[in-house]
């Protein structure tokens, strides 16, 4: 089989399945993994696929940074459903952290507690939403405000967290990948997210199904550091099973 025939078969597999695996292609085409990697590199250069770890895909695995005022109009209904599911996880906690991002902001919109609660947040939009809400005290994390997210980050913000503990962290992400873990597209905020994950007793990730099998530039934690992932019902069953096998409780918001 020559290189042209191999490329045609690779693209046919890609069209049928949406992604291909180097090991499977090597066995199917009876060539080495090195040869398949070279084939995938050539096909990527022709913009026919995106290379991923261990294979190739029709979807770009790397998330791009978007301004918060643009992201808030993407998958709005899914975000609202995820936020309603998140309300059930606040429980009897008297302190929570709400991170930055449009999905976790939906939780702030619907948070009307019957008893006193303290909300810690780096996000200006969250603080403004909750600052006059009955039974809610807001601890605004200060620092350098990033224009794309309207949220604080940096060493000053991290120092504020040194003496803080909280019950639940609600965090949004730009990518969920089985090997790379959870990631976001803003490197400065990645460090702050890592700090918040370290001080929370329970870590809840709020992310719609478009965030799966994607990677942002800044890794914030592994899947094993997450207690819950709240998402919509478009996530395939194999992905849900993989997460559960790794100790993550998955809640599909409906």
Protein backbone atom coordinates (compact mmCIF):
# COMPACT_ATOMS: atom_id res chain seq x y z
CA UNK A 1 0.00 0.00 0.00
CA UNK A 2 1.50 3.35 -1.04
CA UNK A 3 1.30 6.63 0.85
CA UNK A 4 -1.67 7.94 -1.14
CA UNK A 5 -3.71 4.82 -0.43
CA UNK A 6 -2.81 5.01 3.26
CA UNK A 7 -3.91 8.64 3.45
CA UNK A 8 -7.20 7.83 1.75
CA UNK A 9 -7.93 5.06 4.25
CA UNK A 10 -6.95 7.26 7.22
CA UNK A 11 -9.27 10.02 6.04
CA UNK A 12 -12.05 7.50 5.46
CA UNK A 13 -11.69 6.23 9.05
CA UNK A 14 -11.64 9.81 10.26
CA UNK A 15 -14.81 10.67 8.38
CA UNK A 16 -16.64 7.65 9.79
CA UNK A 17 -15.47 7.90 13.42
CA UNK A 18 -14.44 11.52 13.93
CA UNK A 19 -11.05 10.42 15.32
CA UNK A 20 -8.34 7.84 14.66
CA UNK A 21 -5.86 5.98 16.86
CA UNK A 22 -2.21 5.42 15.87
CA UNK A 23 -2.09 1.88 17.26
CA UNK A 24 -5.29 0.84 15.50
CA UNK A 25 -4.17 2.38 12.20
CA UNK A 26 -0.78 0.66 12.50
CA UNK A 27 -2.43 -2.74 12.88
CA UNK A 28 -5.02 -2.11 10.17
CA UNK A 29 -2.54 -0.80 7.57
CA UNK A 30 0.32 -3.15 8.56
CA UNK A 31 2.87 -0.36 8.98
CA UNK A 32 4.81 0.98 11.96
CA UNK A 33 3.54 3.62 14.38
CA UNK A 34 6.35 5.90 13.17
CA UNK A 35 4.94 5.73 9.63
CA UNK A 36 1.42 6.53 10.85
CA UNK A 37 2.73 9.54 12.82
CA UNK A 38 4.41 10.85 9.68
CA UNK A 39 1.16 10.33 7.74
CA UNK A 40 -0.83 12.25 10.35
CA UNK A 41 1.73 15.06 10.32
CA UNK A 42 1.43 15.40 6.53
CA UNK A 43 -2.37 15.34 6.68
CA UNK A 44 -2.35 18.01 9.39
CA UNK A 45 -0.08 20.20 7.27
CA UNK A 46 -2.69 19.91 4.50
CA UNK A 47 -5.32 20.98 7.09
CA UNK A 48 -7.20 17.69 6.73
CA UNK A 49 -7.10 16.79 10.43
CA UNK A 50 -5.83 17.84 13.85
CA UNK A 51 -3.20 15.70 15.51
CA UNK A 52 -3.97 14.64 19.08
CA UNK A 53 -2.06 12.62 21.65
CA UNK A 54 -2.07 9.09 20.22
CA UNK A 55 -3.97 9.86 17.05
CA UNK A 56 -5.90 12.44 15.06
CA UNK A 57 -9.30 14.16 15.10
CA UNK A 58 -11.64 16.24 12.97
CA UNK A 59 -12.05 18.60 15.94
CA UNK A 60 -9.41 21.06 17.10
CA UNK A 61 -8.45 19.79 20.60
CA UNK A 62 -7.08 23.16 21.71
CA UNK A 63 -9.50 25.64 23.21
CA UNK A 64 -9.12 29.31 22.29
CA UNK A 65 -9.56 32.20 24.70
CA UNK A 66 -12.75 34.21 24.14
CA UNK A 67 -13.91 37.37 25.94
CA UNK A 68 -16.47 36.71 28.67
CA UNK A 69 -19.09 38.92 26.98
CA UNK A 70 -18.83 36.67 23.92
CA UNK A 71 -18.86 33.34 25.79
CA UNK A 72 -21.98 34.16 27.79
CA UNK A 73 -24.16 33.74 24.68
CA UNK A 74 -22.75 30.27 23.83
CA UNK A 75 -24.79 27.24 25.03
CA UNK A 76 -26.87 29.40 27.33
CA UNK A 77 -29.55 26.79 28.07
CA UNK A 78 -27.00 24.11 28.95
CA UNK A 79 -25.28 26.51 31.36
CA UNK A 80 -28.55 27.32 33.12
CA UNK A 81 -29.35 23.62 33.58
CA UNK A 82 -25.85 22.96 34.95
CA UNK A 83 -26.23 25.85 37.38
CA UNK A 84 -29.53 24.45 38.70
CA UNK A 85 -27.84 21.09 39.28
CA UNK A 86 -24.98 22.85 41.10
CA UNK A 87 -27.41 24.37 43.61
CA UNK A 88 -28.03 20.88 45.00
CA UNK A 89 -24.35 20.55 45.94
CA UNK A 90 -24.12 23.64 48.14
CA UNK A 91 -25.88 21.73 50.93
CA UNK A 92 -25.22 23.04 54.42
CA UNK A 93 -21.90 24.70 53.60
CA UNK A 94 -21.49 28.21 54.99
CA UNK A 95 -18.69 29.16 52.59
CA UNK A 96 -18.18 28.46 48.89
CA UNK A 97 -15.91 29.68 46.11
CA UNK A 98 -17.38 30.63 42.75
CA UNK A 99 -14.64 30.93 40.13
CA UNK A 100 -14.61 32.92 36.93
CA UNK A 101 -16.41 32.02 33.72
CA UNK A 102 -19.89 32.17 32.26
CA UNK A 103 -21.10 28.75 33.44
CA UNK A 104 -20.29 29.37 37.12
CA UNK A 105 -21.74 32.87 36.80
CA UNK A 106 -25.13 31.26 36.14
CA UNK A 107 -24.88 29.77 39.63
CA UNK A 108 -24.45 33.27 41.08
CA UNK A 109 -27.56 34.42 39.19
CA UNK A 110 -29.82 31.84 40.84
CA UNK A 111 -28.21 31.76 44.30
CA UNK A 112 -30.85 32.95 46.81
CA UNK A 113 -29.96 31.15 50.05
CA UNK A 114 -32.40 30.90 52.94
CA UNK A 115 -29.54 31.00 55.45
CA UNK A 116 -26.29 32.96 55.65
CA UNK A 117 -23.47 32.02 53.28
CA UNK A 118 -20.10 33.54 52.36
CA UNK A 119 -19.13 33.53 48.69
CA UNK A 120 -15.45 33.92 47.83
CA UNK A 121 -14.76 34.89 44.23
CA UNK A 122 -12.12 36.36 41.92
CA UNK A 123 -14.81 37.31 39.39
CA UNK A 124 -16.08 40.88 39.33
CA UNK A 125 -19.36 39.87 37.68
CA UNK A 126 -20.07 37.33 40.42
CA UNK A 127 -19.29 39.87 43.16
CA UNK A 128 -21.52 42.53 41.59
CA UNK A 129 -24.34 40.03 41.13
CA UNK A 130 -24.25 38.95 44.78
CA UNK A 131 -23.12 42.06 46.69
CA UNK A 132 -26.67 43.14 47.63
CA UNK A 133 -28.19 39.66 47.80
CA UNK A 134 -29.89 38.81 51.16
CA UNK A 135 -28.01 36.26 53.31
CA UNK A 136 -24.88 36.50 51.14
CA UNK A 137 -21.53 37.96 52.21
CA UNK A 138 -19.04 38.40 49.37
CA UNK A 139 -15.28 38.15 49.79
CA UNK A 140 -13.82 39.63 46.61
CA UNK A 141 -10.37 38.26 45.75
CA UNK A 142 -8.29 41.23 44.59
CA UNK A 143 -5.38 41.51 42.20
CA UNK A 144 -4.74 42.28 38.58
CA UNK A 145 -8.03 42.18 36.63
CA UNK A 146 -7.80 40.38 33.30
CA UNK A 147 -9.87 42.03 30.59
CA UNK A 148 -10.94 38.83 28.83
CA UNK A 149 -12.48 37.31 31.97
CA UNK A 150 -13.15 40.33 34.23
CA UNK A 151 -11.52 38.35 37.05
CA UNK A 152 -8.53 38.83 39.33
CA UNK A 153 -5.40 36.69 39.21
CA UNK A 154 -1.73 36.88 40.15
CA UNK A 155 0.38 36.57 43.29
CA UNK A 156 -1.60 39.18 45.27
CA UNK A 157 -4.83 37.25 44.71
CA UNK A 158 -3.15 33.98 45.68
CA UNK A 159 -1.75 35.40 48.93
CA UNK A 160 -5.26 36.32 50.02
CA UNK A 161 -6.17 32.64 49.90
CA UNK A 162 -3.34 31.49 52.20
CA UNK A 163 -5.49 31.67 55.33
CA UNK A 164 -8.81 30.60 53.83
CA UNK A 165 -10.68 27.29 53.77
CA UNK A 166 -14.06 26.63 52.20
CA UNK A 167 -16.60 23.88 51.71
CA UNK A 168 -17.15 23.77 47.95
CA UNK A 169 -15.36 25.25 44.94
CA UNK A 170 -17.42 25.72 41.78
CA UNK A 171 -15.01 26.14 38.90
CA UNK A 172 -15.38 26.47 35.14
CA UNK A 173 -12.87 25.08 32.64
CA UNK A 174 -12.11 25.32 28.92
CA UNK A 175 -10.90 21.76 28.47
CA UNK A 176 -11.40 18.29 29.97
CA UNK A 177 -8.96 15.71 28.66
CA UNK A 178 -8.39 12.17 30.08
CA UNK A 179 -4.61 12.55 29.99
CA UNK A 180 -3.99 16.30 30.34
CA UNK A 181 -6.69 16.79 32.96
CA UNK A 182 -8.59 20.05 33.40
CA UNK A 183 -7.34 23.23 31.78
CA UNK A 184 -8.18 26.83 30.92
CA UNK A 185 -7.00 29.23 28.22
CA UNK A 186 -5.63 31.90 30.58
CA UNK A 187 -2.24 31.07 32.10
CA UNK A 188 -2.43 33.74 34.79
CA UNK A 189 -5.74 32.40 36.08
CA UNK A 190 -4.53 28.78 35.94
CA UNK A 191 -2.28 29.33 38.95
CA UNK A 192 -5.10 30.89 40.98
CA UNK A 193 -7.41 28.01 40.09
CA UNK A 194 -4.79 25.53 41.32
CA UNK A 195 -4.64 27.41 44.61
CA UNK A 196 -8.44 27.38 45.00
CA UNK A 197 -8.59 23.65 44.25
CA UNK A 198 -6.05 23.04 47.00
CA UNK A 199 -8.07 24.77 49.73
CA UNK A 200 -11.55 23.47 48.92
CA UNK A 201 -12.98 20.40 50.62
CA UNK A 202 -15.07 19.56 47.54
CA UNK A 203 -14.21 20.47 43.94
CA UNK A 204 -17.11 20.81 41.50
CA UNK A 205 -16.39 21.39 37.82
CA UNK A 206 -19.17 23.01 35.79
CA UNK A 207 -18.66 22.49 32.05
CA UNK A 208 -20.92 21.82 29.09
CA UNK A 209 -20.22 18.90 26.74
CA UNK A 210 -18.26 21.03 24.23
CA UNK A 211 -15.37 21.20 26.74
CA UNK A 212 -14.62 17.46 26.59
CA UNK A 213 -11.59 16.19 24.64
CA UNK A 214 -10.21 19.72 24.50
CA UNK A 215 -7.20 21.38 26.09
CA UNK A 216 -6.51 24.91 27.22
CA UNK A 217 -2.95 26.17 27.55
CA UNK A 218 -2.96 26.15 31.36
CA UNK A 219 -3.49 22.88 33.25
CA UNK A 220 -5.18 23.36 36.63
CA UNK A 221 -5.52 19.81 37.96
CA UNK A 222 -5.85 16.12 37.16
CA UNK A 223 -9.19 14.31 37.00
CA UNK A 224 -8.34 12.59 40.29
CA UNK A 225 -8.48 15.95 42.10
CA UNK A 226 -12.11 16.52 41.07
CA UNK A 227 -15.09 15.32 43.10
CA UNK A 228 -17.92 16.21 40.69
CA UNK A 229 -18.30 17.16 37.05
CA UNK A 230 -21.63 18.77 36.17
CA UNK A 231 -22.37 18.77 32.45
CA UNK A 232 -25.21 18.34 29.96
CA UNK A 233 -26.61 15.10 28.57
CA UNK A 234 -24.71 15.32 25.28
CA UNK A 235 -21.63 13.65 26.81
CA UNK A 236 -21.28 10.09 25.52
CA UNK A 237 -21.66 7.15 27.89
CA UNK A 238 -18.07 5.93 27.38
CA UNK A 239 -16.73 9.28 28.65
CA UNK A 240 -19.05 9.19 31.66
CA UNK A 241 -17.89 5.65 32.49
CA UNK A 242 -14.22 6.66 32.16
CA UNK A 243 -14.74 9.54 34.61
CA UNK A 244 -16.59 7.35 37.08
CA UNK A 245 -13.84 4.72 36.89
CA UNK A 246 -11.38 7.43 37.91
CA UNK A 247 -13.42 8.43 40.95
CA UNK A 248 -15.31 11.42 39.55
CA UNK A 249 -19.06 11.68 40.20
CA UNK A 250 -20.78 12.83 37.00
CA UNK A 251 -24.10 14.64 37.06
CA UNK A 252 -25.88 15.13 33.73
CA UNK A 253 -28.10 18.20 34.06
CA UNK A 254 -31.51 17.92 32.43
